[in-house]
């Protein structure tokens, strides 16, 4: 699929006098602020971009598969378990499973931390070893503020090998 890269910019309001007379490195401040503005915009587009003048996000792209993982109001199934998430995990193609990552917002991470499997074990596991990330059923996750929280008709969790998607 061909991707047309829309123009993106950051707007930092600063005077020439401030650039010349500041007691600290204003160029570094501008670079940092620009990077932050780009990251916020790219994150929003990656999740829910419309494809019109911006990238098409994973939640709006019609070719992204979906799995019902809970009830209308919560990600837990009717028994309060994580069976739907486990179904989602095993619904992706094998080629994408090796480097798969969960993406969800902070509120949804809190909800997932309470979920258990059929044996009453929590599916969220802390990364106890140095350098090991926290995991959901053994796979890492990333906090994406632009993902919706759980609710009717929403897709609060995505799972896949996002490195094999397009590069932002």
C-alpha atoms as a PDB file:
ATOM      1  CA  UNK A   1       0.000   0.000   0.000  1.00  0.00           C
ATOM      2  CA  UNK A   2       1.378   3.418  -0.929  1.00  0.00           C
ATOM      3  CA  UNK A   3       1.681   5.956   1.851  1.00  0.00           C
ATOM      4  CA  UNK A   4       1.598   9.635   1.063  1.00  0.00           C
ATOM      5  CA  UNK A   5       3.416  11.517   3.776  1.00  0.00           C
ATOM      6  CA  UNK A   6       1.411  14.599   4.691  1.00  0.00           C
ATOM      7  CA  UNK A   7       3.254  17.721   5.755  1.00  0.00           C
ATOM      8  CA  UNK A   8       3.717  18.142   9.477  1.00  0.00           C
ATOM      9  CA  UNK A   9       5.134  21.075  11.374  1.00  0.00           C
ATOM     10  CA  UNK A  10       5.707  22.360  14.889  1.00  0.00           C
ATOM     11  CA  UNK A  11       4.938  25.914  15.925  1.00  0.00           C
ATOM     12  CA  UNK A  12       7.188  27.386  18.589  1.00  0.00           C
ATOM     13  CA  UNK A  13       6.608  31.016  19.461  1.00  0.00           C
ATOM     14  CA  UNK A  14       9.947  32.656  20.272  1.00  0.00           C
ATOM     15  CA  UNK A  15      11.486  36.009  19.479  1.00  0.00           C
ATOM     16  CA  UNK A  16      14.883  36.623  17.879  1.00  0.00           C
ATOM     17  CA  UNK A  17      15.823  38.606  20.966  1.00  0.00           C
ATOM     18  CA  UNK A  18      15.149  35.576  23.152  1.00  0.00           C
ATOM     19  CA  UNK A  19      17.285  33.403  20.852  1.00  0.00           C
ATOM     20  CA  UNK A  20      20.166  35.870  21.041  1.00  0.00           C
ATOM     21  CA  UNK A  21      19.998  36.871  24.708  1.00  0.00           C
ATOM     22  CA  UNK A  22      18.804  33.786  26.580  1.00  0.00           C
ATOM     23  CA  UNK A  23      21.040  32.577  29.410  1.00  0.00           C
ATOM     24  CA  UNK A  24      20.472  28.950  28.418  1.00  0.00           C
ATOM     25  CA  UNK A  25      20.486  26.953  25.187  1.00  0.00           C
ATOM     26  CA  UNK A  26      17.269  28.060  23.461  1.00  0.00           C
ATOM     27  CA  UNK A  27      18.042  25.989  20.368  1.00  0.00           C
ATOM     28  CA  UNK A  28      17.980  22.857  22.518  1.00  0.00           C
ATOM     29  CA  UNK A  29      14.660  23.995  24.005  1.00  0.00           C
ATOM     30  CA  UNK A  30      13.236  24.496  20.512  1.00  0.00           C
ATOM     31  CA  UNK A  31      14.426  21.053  19.401  1.00  0.00           C
ATOM     32  CA  UNK A  32      12.884  19.458  22.483  1.00  0.00           C
ATOM     33  CA  UNK A  33       9.562  21.276  22.068  1.00  0.00           C
ATOM     34  CA  UNK A  34       9.472  20.426  18.348  1.00  0.00           C
ATOM     35  CA  UNK A  35      10.116  16.760  19.075  1.00  0.00           C
ATOM     36  CA  UNK A  36       7.328  16.760  21.669  1.00  0.00           C
ATOM     37  CA  UNK A  37       4.835  18.364  19.265  1.00  0.00           C
ATOM     38  CA  UNK A  38       5.724  15.873  16.520  1.00  0.00           C
ATOM     39  CA  UNK A  39       5.420  12.909  18.903  1.00  0.00           C
ATOM     40  CA  UNK A  40       1.965  14.005  20.075  1.00  0.00           C
ATOM     41  CA  UNK A  41       0.710  14.511  16.519  1.00  0.00           C
ATOM     42  CA  UNK A  42       2.229  11.270  15.213  1.00  0.00           C
ATOM     43  CA  UNK A  43       0.796   9.298  18.132  1.00  0.00           C
ATOM     44  CA  UNK A  44      -2.701  10.640  17.502  1.00  0.00           C
ATOM     45  CA  UNK A  45      -2.473   9.893  13.772  1.00  0.00           C
ATOM     46  CA  UNK A  46      -1.051   6.406  14.321  1.00  0.00           C
ATOM     47  CA  UNK A  47      -4.089   5.536  16.441  1.00  0.00           C
ATOM     48  CA  UNK A  48      -6.995   7.425  14.899  1.00  0.00           C
ATOM     49  CA  UNK A  49      -5.834   9.401  11.875  1.00  0.00           C
ATOM     50  CA  UNK A  50      -8.508   9.818   9.210  1.00  0.00           C
ATOM     51  CA  UNK A  51      -6.286   9.368   6.161  1.00  0.00           C
ATOM     52  CA  UNK A  52      -7.358  12.776   4.837  1.00  0.00           C
ATOM     53  CA  UNK A  53      -4.374  15.129   5.093  1.00  0.00           C
ATOM     54  CA  UNK A  54      -2.876  12.796   7.696  1.00  0.00           C
ATOM     55  CA  UNK A  55      -1.964   9.141   8.072  1.00  0.00           C
ATOM     56  CA  UNK A  56      -4.765   6.623   8.457  1.00  0.00           C
ATOM     57  CA  UNK A  57      -4.738   5.242  11.980  1.00  0.00           C
ATOM     58  CA  UNK A  58      -5.006   1.642  13.058  1.00  0.00           C
ATOM     59  CA  UNK A  59      -8.473   2.240  14.517  1.00  0.00           C
ATOM     60  CA  UNK A  60      -9.824   3.714  11.272  1.00  0.00           C
ATOM     61  CA  UNK A  61      -8.179   1.381   8.754  1.00  0.00           C
ATOM     62  CA  UNK A  62     -10.719  -1.118   7.457  1.00  0.00           C
ATOM     63  CA  UNK A  63      -8.162  -3.877   6.918  1.00  0.00           C
ATOM     64  CA  UNK A  64      -7.191  -4.134  10.591  1.00  0.00           C
ATOM     65  CA  UNK A  65      -8.865  -7.215  12.092  1.00  0.00           C
ATOM     66  CA  UNK A  66     -10.853  -7.007  15.313  1.00  0.00           C
ATOM     67  CA  UNK A  67     -11.888  -9.432  18.030  1.00  0.00           C
ATOM     68  CA  UNK A  68     -14.607  -8.968  20.626  1.00  0.00           C
ATOM     69  CA  UNK A  69     -12.696  -9.283  23.870  1.00  0.00           C
ATOM     70  CA  UNK A  70     -15.201  -8.363  26.557  1.00  0.00           C
ATOM     71  CA  UNK A  71     -18.616  -6.886  27.205  1.00  0.00           C
ATOM     72  CA  UNK A  72     -19.925  -3.510  26.039  1.00  0.00           C
ATOM     73  CA  UNK A  73     -18.650  -1.736  29.138  1.00  0.00           C
ATOM     74  CA  UNK A  74     -15.471  -3.584  30.029  1.00  0.00           C
ATOM     75  CA  UNK A  75     -12.591  -5.554  28.547  1.00  0.00           C
ATOM     76  CA  UNK A  76     -13.303  -8.485  30.865  1.00  0.00           C
ATOM     77  CA  UNK A  77     -15.583 -11.213  29.593  1.00  0.00           C
ATOM     78  CA  UNK A  78     -18.842 -12.191  31.313  1.00  0.00           C
ATOM     79  CA  UNK A  79     -16.884 -14.244  33.869  1.00  0.00           C
ATOM     80  CA  UNK A  80     -14.572 -11.306  34.648  1.00  0.00           C
ATOM     81  CA  UNK A  81     -11.676 -13.039  32.947  1.00  0.00           C
ATOM     82  CA  UNK A  82      -9.275 -12.175  30.147  1.00  0.00           C
ATOM     83  CA  UNK A  83     -10.381 -14.851  27.691  1.00  0.00           C
ATOM     84  CA  UNK A  84     -11.167 -12.269  25.007  1.00  0.00           C
ATOM     85  CA  UNK A  85      -7.658 -10.831  25.199  1.00  0.00           C
ATOM     86  CA  UNK A  86      -6.191 -14.294  24.913  1.00  0.00           C
ATOM     87  CA  UNK A  87      -8.381 -14.877  21.850  1.00  0.00           C
ATOM     88  CA  UNK A  88      -7.082 -11.610  20.385  1.00  0.00           C
ATOM     89  CA  UNK A  89      -3.496 -12.638  21.085  1.00  0.00           C
ATOM     90  CA  UNK A  90      -3.873 -15.887  19.181  1.00  0.00           C
ATOM     91  CA  UNK A  91      -5.904 -14.389  16.317  1.00  0.00           C
ATOM     92  CA  UNK A  92      -2.926 -12.718  14.627  1.00  0.00           C
ATOM     93  CA  UNK A  93      -0.777 -14.462  12.045  1.00  0.00           C
ATOM     94  CA  UNK A  94       2.231 -16.375  13.333  1.00  0.00           C
ATOM     95  CA  UNK A  95       4.624 -14.080  11.458  1.00  0.00           C
ATOM     96  CA  UNK A  96       3.427 -11.140  13.561  1.00  0.00           C
ATOM     97  CA  UNK A  97       3.347 -12.930  16.909  1.00  0.00           C
ATOM     98  CA  UNK A  98       7.086 -13.118  17.657  1.00  0.00           C
ATOM     99  CA  UNK A  99       7.478  -9.348  18.127  1.00  0.00           C
ATOM    100  CA  UNK A 100       3.910  -8.511  19.087  1.00  0.00           C
ATOM    101  CA  UNK A 101       3.159  -5.734  21.555  1.00  0.00           C
ATOM    102  CA  UNK A 102      -0.056  -4.645  23.241  1.00  0.00           C
ATOM    103  CA  UNK A 103      -0.965  -0.955  22.978  1.00  0.00           C
ATOM    104  CA  UNK A 104      -3.475   0.660  25.311  1.00  0.00           C
ATOM    105  CA  UNK A 105      -3.970   3.802  27.365  1.00  0.00           C
ATOM    106  CA  UNK A 106      -3.180   4.216  31.051  1.00  0.00           C
ATOM    107  CA  UNK A 107      -6.772   3.695  32.224  1.00  0.00           C
ATOM    108  CA  UNK A 108      -7.039   0.462  30.260  1.00  0.00           C
ATOM    109  CA  UNK A 109      -3.688  -0.725  31.637  1.00  0.00           C
ATOM    110  CA  UNK A 110      -5.248  -0.359  35.095  1.00  0.00           C
ATOM    111  CA  UNK A 111      -8.217  -2.486  34.017  1.00  0.00           C
ATOM    112  CA  UNK A 112      -5.969  -5.142  32.455  1.00  0.00           C
ATOM    113  CA  UNK A 113      -3.890  -5.393  35.620  1.00  0.00           C
ATOM    114  CA  UNK A 114      -7.015  -6.727  37.375  1.00  0.00           C
ATOM    115  CA  UNK A 115      -7.762  -9.439  34.797  1.00  0.00           C
ATOM    116  CA  UNK A 116      -7.112 -13.100  35.469  1.00  0.00           C
ATOM    117  CA  UNK A 117      -7.000 -16.203  33.340  1.00  0.00           C
ATOM    118  CA  UNK A 118      -9.149 -19.312  33.890  1.00  0.00           C
ATOM    119  CA  UNK A 119      -6.711 -20.498  36.600  1.00  0.00           C
ATOM    120  CA  UNK A 120      -7.167 -17.180  38.479  1.00  0.00           C
ATOM    121  CA  UNK A 121      -3.634 -15.975  37.643  1.00  0.00           C
ATOM    122  CA  UNK A 122      -3.206 -12.317  36.750  1.00  0.00           C
ATOM    123  CA  UNK A 123      -2.298 -11.873  33.087  1.00  0.00           C
ATOM    124  CA  UNK A 124      -0.316  -8.698  33.854  1.00  0.00           C
ATOM    125  CA  UNK A 125       3.131  -9.593  35.121  1.00  0.00           C
ATOM    126  CA  UNK A 126       5.723  -7.200  36.533  1.00  0.00           C
ATOM    127  CA  UNK A 127       9.141  -7.125  34.903  1.00  0.00           C
ATOM    128  CA  UNK A 128      11.076  -8.370  37.912  1.00  0.00           C
ATOM    129  CA  UNK A 129      14.405  -8.960  36.183  1.00  0.00           C
ATOM    130  CA  UNK A 130      16.557  -5.940  35.420  1.00  0.00           C
ATOM    131  CA  UNK A 131      15.830  -4.611  31.956  1.00  0.00           C
ATOM    132  CA  UNK A 132      12.733  -6.777  31.453  1.00  0.00           C
ATOM    133  CA  UNK A 133       9.480  -4.943  30.713  1.00  0.00           C
ATOM    134  CA  UNK A 134       6.150  -5.494  32.417  1.00  0.00           C
ATOM    135  CA  UNK A 135       4.062  -7.834  30.283  1.00  0.00           C
ATOM    136  CA  UNK A 136       0.496  -8.810  29.505  1.00  0.00           C
ATOM    137  CA  UNK A 137       0.387 -12.585  29.149  1.00  0.00           C
ATOM    138  CA  UNK A 138       4.113 -12.630  28.424  1.00  0.00           C
ATOM    139  CA  UNK A 139       4.184  -9.886  25.781  1.00  0.00           C
ATOM    140  CA  UNK A 140       5.328  -6.282  26.315  1.00  0.00           C
ATOM    141  CA  UNK A 141       2.925  -3.384  26.166  1.00  0.00           C
ATOM    142  CA  UNK A 142       3.212   0.295  25.352  1.00  0.00           C
ATOM    143  CA  UNK A 143       1.127   3.097  26.785  1.00  0.00           C
ATOM    144  CA  UNK A 144      -0.585   5.049  24.005  1.00  0.00           C
ATOM    145  CA  UNK A 145      -2.528   8.017  25.423  1.00  0.00           C
ATOM    146  CA  UNK A 146      -4.575   8.297  22.213  1.00  0.00           C
ATOM    147  CA  UNK A 147      -6.095   4.824  22.495  1.00  0.00           C
ATOM    148  CA  UNK A 148      -9.678   5.004  23.798  1.00  0.00           C
ATOM    149  CA  UNK A 149     -10.643   3.739  27.234  1.00  0.00           C
ATOM    150  CA  UNK A 150     -12.880   0.699  27.485  1.00  0.00           C
ATOM    151  CA  UNK A 151     -16.500   1.307  26.523  1.00  0.00           C
ATOM    152  CA  UNK A 152     -19.269   0.291  24.156  1.00  0.00           C
ATOM    153  CA  UNK A 153     -18.266   0.317  20.478  1.00  0.00           C
ATOM    154  CA  UNK A 154     -14.648   1.229  21.210  1.00  0.00           C
ATOM    155  CA  UNK A 155     -11.367  -0.573  20.591  1.00  0.00           C
ATOM    156  CA  UNK A 156      -9.275   0.117  23.694  1.00  0.00           C
ATOM    157  CA  UNK A 157      -6.540  -2.452  23.015  1.00  0.00           C
ATOM    158  CA  UNK A 158      -4.527  -3.308  19.925  1.00  0.00           C
ATOM    159  CA  UNK A 159      -2.095  -6.178  19.585  1.00  0.00           C
ATOM    160  CA  UNK A 160       0.418  -6.893  16.859  1.00  0.00           C
ATOM    161  CA  UNK A 161       3.889  -6.374  15.486  1.00  0.00           C
ATOM    162  CA  UNK A 162       3.744  -2.623  14.975  1.00  0.00           C
ATOM    163  CA  UNK A 163       7.346  -2.565  13.759  1.00  0.00           C
ATOM    164  CA  UNK A 164       6.040  -4.263  10.619  1.00  0.00           C
ATOM    165  CA  UNK A 165       3.491  -1.519  10.110  1.00  0.00           C
ATOM    166  CA  UNK A 166       4.587   1.725   8.486  1.00  0.00           C
ATOM    167  CA  UNK A 167       7.360   3.725  10.090  1.00  0.00           C
ATOM    168  CA  UNK A 168       6.410   7.132  11.401  1.00  0.00           C
END
